[in-house]
C-alpha cells in the first residue's frame, strides 16, 4: 500500500500566484526525488450535498474552510504527495530537505501562514 502526506492550507487569495510558484517548485523537487505523485488543489465548490429527512438533496457549506482556519480573503488548498511507503516518504523527504532548491526558501517569505498550515502522514486504507 502507498503512503500519502496530506496538506490543508489557507492561502491568501492575493498571494495565490506566489503560492502557485512555490507549489510548482515543490512538485518538481518532490518528484525529482522519487515521489509517485504530487497534487495541489484549489477549493472550487465550497458546498457538500446531502439528502434531508425526505431524501431531497440540499447544499451544506463544506467544513474545509473551518478546518483550514481560513480568514477573510483566504482560499483553501488541499494538497497531497504519494509515496511507495512510509519508509520511502522518509527517504524522499530527507532528500527534499537537503535539496538546494528548498534550502534557499526563507520561511518568513512564504506566501502562507505556516502556523495555519495543516499537515499529516496517512496510511492508505483503500486504493482503487
N, C-alpha and C. Protein backbone atom coordinates (compact mmCIF):
# COMPACT_ATOMS: atom_id res chain seq x y z
N UNK A 1 0.83 -1.19 0.00
CA UNK A 1 0.00 0.00 0.00
C UNK A 1 0.87 1.25 0.00
N UNK A 2 0.42 2.26 -0.71
CA UNK A 2 1.15 3.53 -0.77
C UNK A 2 0.94 4.31 0.52
N UNK A 3 1.68 5.40 0.64
CA UNK A 3 1.62 6.29 1.80
C UNK A 3 1.43 7.70 1.25
N UNK A 4 0.67 8.53 1.97
CA UNK A 4 0.33 9.87 1.49
C UNK A 4 0.62 10.91 2.56
N UNK A 5 1.30 11.97 2.17
CA UNK A 5 1.38 13.17 3.00
C UNK A 5 0.27 14.09 2.53
N UNK A 6 -0.57 14.55 3.45
CA UNK A 6 -1.69 15.41 3.10
C UNK A 6 -1.56 16.78 3.74
N UNK A 7 -2.07 17.78 3.04
CA UNK A 7 -1.95 19.17 3.49
C UNK A 7 -3.29 19.89 3.32
N UNK A 8 -3.64 20.70 4.28
CA UNK A 8 -4.80 21.58 4.19
C UNK A 8 -4.28 22.97 4.51
N UNK A 9 -4.33 23.87 3.51
CA UNK A 9 -3.60 25.12 3.60
C UNK A 9 -4.49 26.31 3.27
N UNK A 10 -4.63 27.27 4.19
CA UNK A 10 -5.31 28.51 3.86
C UNK A 10 -4.32 29.45 3.18
N UNK A 11 -4.64 29.82 1.96
CA UNK A 11 -3.75 30.69 1.19
C UNK A 11 -4.46 32.02 0.94
N UNK A 12 -3.85 33.14 1.31
CA UNK A 12 -4.46 34.43 0.98
C UNK A 12 -4.65 34.52 -0.54
N UNK A 13 -5.85 34.80 -0.97
CA UNK A 13 -6.15 34.85 -2.40
C UNK A 13 -5.21 35.82 -3.12
N UNK A 14 -4.86 36.90 -2.47
CA UNK A 14 -3.95 37.88 -3.08
C UNK A 14 -2.55 37.32 -3.29
N UNK A 15 -2.21 36.23 -2.59
CA UNK A 15 -0.89 35.63 -2.73
C UNK A 15 -0.92 34.31 -3.50
N UNK A 16 -2.03 34.05 -4.19
CA UNK A 16 -2.17 32.77 -4.89
C UNK A 16 -1.13 32.59 -5.98
N UNK A 17 -0.77 33.62 -6.71
CA UNK A 17 0.25 33.50 -7.76
C UNK A 17 1.60 33.11 -7.15
N UNK A 18 1.95 33.72 -6.03
CA UNK A 18 3.21 33.38 -5.35
C UNK A 18 3.15 31.95 -4.82
N UNK A 19 1.99 31.54 -4.31
CA UNK A 19 1.85 30.19 -3.81
C UNK A 19 1.97 29.17 -4.95
N UNK A 20 1.36 29.48 -6.08
CA UNK A 20 1.43 28.59 -7.25
C UNK A 20 2.88 28.38 -7.67
N UNK A 21 3.68 29.44 -7.63
CA UNK A 21 5.10 29.33 -7.97
C UNK A 21 5.79 28.39 -6.99
N UNK A 22 5.51 28.55 -5.70
CA UNK A 22 6.07 27.69 -4.67
C UNK A 22 5.61 26.24 -4.88
N UNK A 23 4.34 26.04 -5.21
CA UNK A 23 3.79 24.70 -5.42
C UNK A 23 4.44 24.02 -6.63
N UNK A 24 4.66 24.76 -7.68
CA UNK A 24 5.33 24.19 -8.86
C UNK A 24 6.75 23.74 -8.51
N UNK A 25 7.45 24.53 -7.71
CA UNK A 25 8.78 24.13 -7.25
C UNK A 25 8.67 22.86 -6.42
N UNK A 26 7.71 22.81 -5.51
CA UNK A 26 7.52 21.62 -4.69
C UNK A 26 7.27 20.39 -5.53
N UNK A 27 6.41 20.50 -6.53
CA UNK A 27 6.11 19.37 -7.41
C UNK A 27 7.38 18.87 -8.09
N UNK A 28 8.17 19.79 -8.57
CA UNK A 28 9.41 19.44 -9.27
C UNK A 28 10.39 18.74 -8.32
N UNK A 29 10.60 19.33 -7.16
CA UNK A 29 11.59 18.79 -6.22
C UNK A 29 11.15 17.42 -5.69
N UNK A 30 9.90 17.29 -5.24
CA UNK A 30 9.45 16.01 -4.69
C UNK A 30 9.48 14.90 -5.76
N UNK A 31 9.02 15.21 -6.96
CA UNK A 31 9.03 14.15 -7.98
C UNK A 31 10.45 13.85 -8.45
N UNK A 32 11.32 14.85 -8.48
CA UNK A 32 12.73 14.59 -8.82
C UNK A 32 13.35 13.61 -7.83
N UNK A 33 12.91 13.64 -6.58
CA UNK A 33 13.49 12.78 -5.55
C UNK A 33 12.69 11.50 -5.34
N UNK A 34 11.70 11.23 -6.19
CA UNK A 34 11.04 9.93 -6.16
C UNK A 34 9.60 9.86 -5.74
N UNK A 35 8.97 10.97 -5.37
CA UNK A 35 7.54 10.91 -5.05
C UNK A 35 6.78 10.38 -6.27
N UNK A 36 5.77 9.56 -6.02
CA UNK A 36 5.00 8.96 -7.11
C UNK A 36 4.02 9.94 -7.74
N UNK A 37 3.48 10.84 -6.94
CA UNK A 37 2.51 11.82 -7.43
C UNK A 37 2.52 13.01 -6.50
N UNK A 38 2.15 14.17 -7.03
CA UNK A 38 2.14 15.42 -6.26
C UNK A 38 0.99 16.25 -6.80
N UNK A 39 0.05 16.61 -5.96
CA UNK A 39 -1.11 17.41 -6.38
C UNK A 39 -1.32 18.58 -5.43
N UNK A 40 -1.63 19.73 -6.00
CA UNK A 40 -2.05 20.92 -5.25
C UNK A 40 -3.41 21.31 -5.83
N UNK A 41 -4.44 21.32 -5.01
CA UNK A 41 -5.82 21.51 -5.48
C UNK A 41 -6.44 22.72 -4.78
N UNK A 42 -7.07 23.59 -5.55
CA UNK A 42 -7.73 24.78 -5.02
C UNK A 42 -9.21 24.49 -4.87
N UNK A 43 -9.77 24.80 -3.69
CA UNK A 43 -11.19 24.56 -3.46
C UNK A 43 -12.02 25.35 -4.48
N UNK A 44 -12.88 24.64 -5.15
CA UNK A 44 -13.69 25.22 -6.22
C UNK A 44 -15.17 25.23 -5.85
N UNK A 45 -15.62 24.25 -5.09
CA UNK A 45 -17.03 24.11 -4.72
C UNK A 45 -17.11 23.96 -3.21
N UNK A 46 -17.37 25.06 -2.49
CA UNK A 46 -17.35 25.00 -1.02
C UNK A 46 -18.63 24.47 -0.40
N UNK A 47 -19.32 23.58 -1.10
CA UNK A 47 -20.56 23.01 -0.58
C UNK A 47 -20.55 21.50 -0.75
N UNK A 48 -21.21 20.82 0.17
CA UNK A 48 -21.45 19.39 0.07
C UNK A 48 -22.94 19.21 -0.16
N UNK A 49 -23.32 18.10 -0.75
CA UNK A 49 -24.74 17.82 -0.93
C UNK A 49 -25.12 16.57 -0.16
N UNK A 50 -26.14 16.70 0.67
CA UNK A 50 -26.62 15.59 1.48
C UNK A 50 -28.13 15.53 1.38
N UNK A 51 -28.70 14.33 1.47
CA UNK A 51 -30.16 14.25 1.47
C UNK A 51 -30.72 14.66 2.83
N UNK A 52 -31.85 15.39 2.80
CA UNK A 52 -32.53 15.73 4.05
C UNK A 52 -33.39 14.54 4.47
N UNK A 53 -34.21 14.72 5.49
CA UNK A 53 -35.03 13.62 6.01
C UNK A 53 -35.99 13.05 4.96
N UNK A 54 -36.35 13.86 3.96
CA UNK A 54 -37.27 13.41 2.92
C UNK A 54 -36.54 12.93 1.67
N UNK A 55 -35.22 12.90 1.73
CA UNK A 55 -34.44 12.43 0.60
C UNK A 55 -34.11 13.50 -0.43
N UNK A 56 -34.56 14.73 -0.20
CA UNK A 56 -34.25 15.82 -1.12
C UNK A 56 -32.82 16.31 -0.86
N UNK A 57 -32.06 16.50 -1.93
CA UNK A 57 -30.68 16.94 -1.78
C UNK A 57 -30.63 18.42 -1.39
N UNK A 58 -29.79 18.73 -0.45
CA UNK A 58 -29.59 20.12 -0.04
C UNK A 58 -28.11 20.41 0.05
N UNK A 59 -27.75 21.65 -0.23
CA UNK A 59 -26.35 22.06 -0.16
C UNK A 59 -26.03 22.49 1.27
N UNK A 60 -24.92 21.99 1.74
CA UNK A 60 -24.42 22.31 3.07
C UNK A 60 -23.02 22.90 2.90
N UNK A 61 -22.70 24.02 3.56
CA UNK A 61 -21.34 24.55 3.45
C UNK A 61 -20.30 23.52 3.90
N UNK A 62 -19.22 23.42 3.18
CA UNK A 62 -18.14 22.50 3.50
C UNK A 62 -17.47 22.90 4.81
N UNK A 63 -16.96 21.91 5.52
CA UNK A 63 -16.21 22.16 6.75
C UNK A 63 -14.74 22.50 6.45
N UNK A 64 -14.32 22.35 5.19
CA UNK A 64 -12.91 22.59 4.86
C UNK A 64 -12.43 23.99 5.25
N UNK A 65 -13.17 25.06 4.94
CA UNK A 65 -12.65 26.39 5.34
C UNK A 65 -12.43 26.51 6.85
N UNK A 66 -13.33 25.94 7.63
CA UNK A 66 -13.17 25.99 9.09
C UNK A 66 -11.97 25.15 9.52
N UNK A 67 -11.85 23.94 8.95
CA UNK A 67 -10.72 23.08 9.30
C UNK A 67 -9.39 23.72 8.91
N UNK A 68 -9.40 24.49 7.81
CA UNK A 68 -8.17 25.14 7.34
C UNK A 68 -7.88 26.45 8.08
N UNK A 69 -8.76 26.81 9.01
CA UNK A 69 -8.59 28.05 9.78
C UNK A 69 -8.50 29.28 8.87
N UNK A 70 -9.36 29.29 7.85
CA UNK A 70 -9.32 30.41 6.92
C UNK A 70 -9.75 31.71 7.59
N UNK A 71 -9.20 32.77 7.04
CA UNK A 71 -9.60 34.12 7.41
C UNK A 71 -10.23 34.75 6.18
N UNK A 72 -10.86 35.89 6.35
CA UNK A 72 -11.46 36.60 5.22
C UNK A 72 -10.39 36.82 4.14
N UNK A 73 -10.70 36.47 2.91
CA UNK A 73 -9.76 36.66 1.81
C UNK A 73 -8.86 35.46 1.55
N UNK A 74 -9.07 34.35 2.28
CA UNK A 74 -8.27 33.15 2.07
C UNK A 74 -8.96 32.19 1.10
N UNK A 75 -8.16 31.40 0.43
CA UNK A 75 -8.61 30.31 -0.42
C UNK A 75 -8.06 29.02 0.18
N UNK A 76 -8.84 27.95 0.13
CA UNK A 76 -8.40 26.67 0.68
C UNK A 76 -7.67 25.87 -0.39
N UNK A 77 -6.49 25.38 -0.04
CA UNK A 77 -5.73 24.48 -0.90
C UNK A 77 -5.63 23.14 -0.18
N UNK A 78 -5.97 22.08 -0.90
CA UNK A 78 -5.81 20.71 -0.42
C UNK A 78 -4.72 20.10 -1.29
N UNK A 79 -3.69 19.56 -0.67
CA UNK A 79 -2.57 19.03 -1.44
C UNK A 79 -2.19 17.67 -0.89
N UNK A 80 -1.58 16.85 -1.76
CA UNK A 80 -1.09 15.57 -1.30
C UNK A 80 0.06 15.09 -2.15
N UNK A 81 0.93 14.31 -1.51
CA UNK A 81 2.09 13.72 -2.16
C UNK A 81 2.01 12.22 -1.90
N UNK A 82 2.19 11.42 -2.95
CA UNK A 82 2.06 9.97 -2.83
C UNK A 82 3.44 9.31 -2.90
N UNK A 83 3.63 8.35 -2.01
CA UNK A 83 4.89 7.61 -1.91
C UNK A 83 4.62 6.11 -1.94
N UNK A 84 5.67 5.32 -2.14
CA UNK A 84 5.54 3.86 -2.15
C UNK A 84 5.19 3.32 -0.76
N UNK A 85 5.73 3.96 0.27
CA UNK A 85 5.56 3.51 1.65
C UNK A 85 5.97 4.66 2.57
N UNK A 86 5.77 4.47 3.86
CA UNK A 86 6.21 5.48 4.82
C UNK A 86 7.73 5.60 4.80
N UNK A 87 8.43 4.46 4.71
CA UNK A 87 9.90 4.49 4.66
C UNK A 87 10.36 5.24 3.40
N UNK A 88 9.68 5.02 2.28
CA UNK A 88 10.01 5.74 1.04
C UNK A 88 9.77 7.24 1.24
N UNK A 89 8.65 7.59 1.88
CA UNK A 89 8.36 9.00 2.18
C UNK A 89 9.50 9.61 2.98
N UNK A 90 9.95 8.91 4.01
CA UNK A 90 11.01 9.43 4.87
C UNK A 90 12.30 9.66 4.08
N UNK A 91 12.63 8.72 3.19
CA UNK A 91 13.85 8.87 2.36
C UNK A 91 13.71 10.05 1.41
N UNK A 92 12.56 10.15 0.74
CA UNK A 92 12.34 11.24 -0.22
C UNK A 92 12.37 12.59 0.50
N UNK A 93 11.64 12.70 1.62
CA UNK A 93 11.60 13.98 2.34
C UNK A 93 12.98 14.40 2.84
N UNK A 94 13.79 13.44 3.24
CA UNK A 94 15.16 13.77 3.68
C UNK A 94 15.94 14.39 2.52
N UNK A 95 15.81 13.81 1.33
CA UNK A 95 16.48 14.35 0.14
C UNK A 95 15.92 15.73 -0.22
N UNK A 96 14.61 15.89 -0.12
CA UNK A 96 13.98 17.17 -0.44
C UNK A 96 14.51 18.27 0.48
N UNK A 97 14.58 17.98 1.77
CA UNK A 97 15.03 18.99 2.73
C UNK A 97 16.50 19.36 2.53
N UNK A 98 17.28 18.46 1.94
CA UNK A 98 18.69 18.75 1.66
C UNK A 98 18.90 19.36 0.28
N UNK A 99 17.84 19.42 -0.52
CA UNK A 99 17.95 19.93 -1.88
C UNK A 99 18.20 21.44 -1.85
N UNK A 100 19.19 21.93 -2.59
CA UNK A 100 19.49 23.37 -2.59
C UNK A 100 18.32 24.23 -3.05
N UNK A 101 17.44 23.68 -3.86
CA UNK A 101 16.27 24.46 -4.31
C UNK A 101 15.33 24.76 -3.16
N UNK A 102 15.32 23.91 -2.15
CA UNK A 102 14.47 24.14 -0.98
C UNK A 102 15.21 24.93 0.09
N UNK A 103 16.51 24.73 0.18
CA UNK A 103 17.31 25.40 1.21
C UNK A 103 17.26 26.92 1.07
N UNK A 104 17.06 27.41 -0.14
CA UNK A 104 17.03 28.85 -0.37
C UNK A 104 15.72 29.52 -0.01
N UNK A 105 14.73 28.74 0.44
CA UNK A 105 13.43 29.33 0.80
C UNK A 105 13.47 29.91 2.20
N UNK A 106 13.10 31.16 2.32
CA UNK A 106 13.04 31.84 3.61
C UNK A 106 11.62 31.68 4.16
N UNK A 107 11.46 30.99 5.31
CA UNK A 107 10.13 30.78 5.87
C UNK A 107 9.33 32.07 6.08
N UNK A 108 10.02 33.16 6.36
CA UNK A 108 9.33 34.44 6.58
C UNK A 108 8.77 35.02 5.28
N UNK A 109 9.23 34.50 4.14
CA UNK A 109 8.74 34.98 2.84
C UNK A 109 7.73 34.03 2.20
N UNK A 110 7.30 33.02 2.94
CA UNK A 110 6.32 32.07 2.41
C UNK A 110 5.00 32.80 2.17
N UNK A 111 4.28 32.42 1.11
CA UNK A 111 3.00 33.07 0.82
C UNK A 111 1.85 32.56 1.68
N UNK A 112 2.16 31.77 2.71
CA UNK A 112 1.13 31.26 3.62
C UNK A 112 1.59 31.44 5.05
N UNK A 113 0.64 31.43 5.97
CA UNK A 113 0.92 31.49 7.39
C UNK A 113 1.20 30.06 7.85
N UNK A 114 2.46 29.73 8.10
CA UNK A 114 2.84 28.37 8.43
C UNK A 114 2.20 27.88 9.74
N UNK A 115 1.75 28.78 10.60
CA UNK A 115 1.08 28.38 11.83
C UNK A 115 -0.31 27.79 11.53
N UNK A 116 -0.85 28.08 10.35
CA UNK A 116 -2.16 27.54 9.96
C UNK A 116 -2.03 26.48 8.86
N UNK A 117 -0.85 26.02 8.62
CA UNK A 117 -0.55 25.05 7.56
C UNK A 117 -0.77 23.65 8.15
N UNK A 118 -1.81 22.94 7.68
CA UNK A 118 -2.12 21.62 8.23
C UNK A 118 -1.41 20.53 7.46
N UNK A 119 -0.76 19.61 8.17
CA UNK A 119 0.00 18.53 7.54
C UNK A 119 -0.10 17.26 8.37
N UNK A 120 -0.19 16.12 7.69
CA UNK A 120 -0.14 14.84 8.37
C UNK A 120 0.23 13.76 7.37
N UNK A 121 0.77 12.65 7.89
CA UNK A 121 1.05 11.49 7.06
C UNK A 121 -0.09 10.50 7.21
N UNK A 122 -0.44 9.82 6.12
CA UNK A 122 -1.59 8.92 6.12
C UNK A 122 -1.25 7.56 5.54
N UNK A 123 -1.61 6.50 6.25
CA UNK A 123 -1.54 5.15 5.71
C UNK A 123 -2.76 4.99 4.80
N UNK A 124 -2.55 4.52 3.59
CA UNK A 124 -3.65 4.31 2.66
C UNK A 124 -4.43 3.07 3.10
N UNK A 125 -5.74 3.23 3.22
CA UNK A 125 -6.60 2.16 3.67
C UNK A 125 -7.22 1.41 2.50
N UNK A 126 -7.59 2.16 1.43
CA UNK A 126 -8.20 1.58 0.25
C UNK A 126 -7.60 2.25 -0.98
N UNK A 127 -7.24 1.46 -1.96
CA UNK A 127 -6.78 2.01 -3.24
C UNK A 127 -7.68 1.48 -4.34
N UNK A 128 -7.93 2.30 -5.33
CA UNK A 128 -8.78 1.84 -6.43
C UNK A 128 -8.32 2.39 -7.74
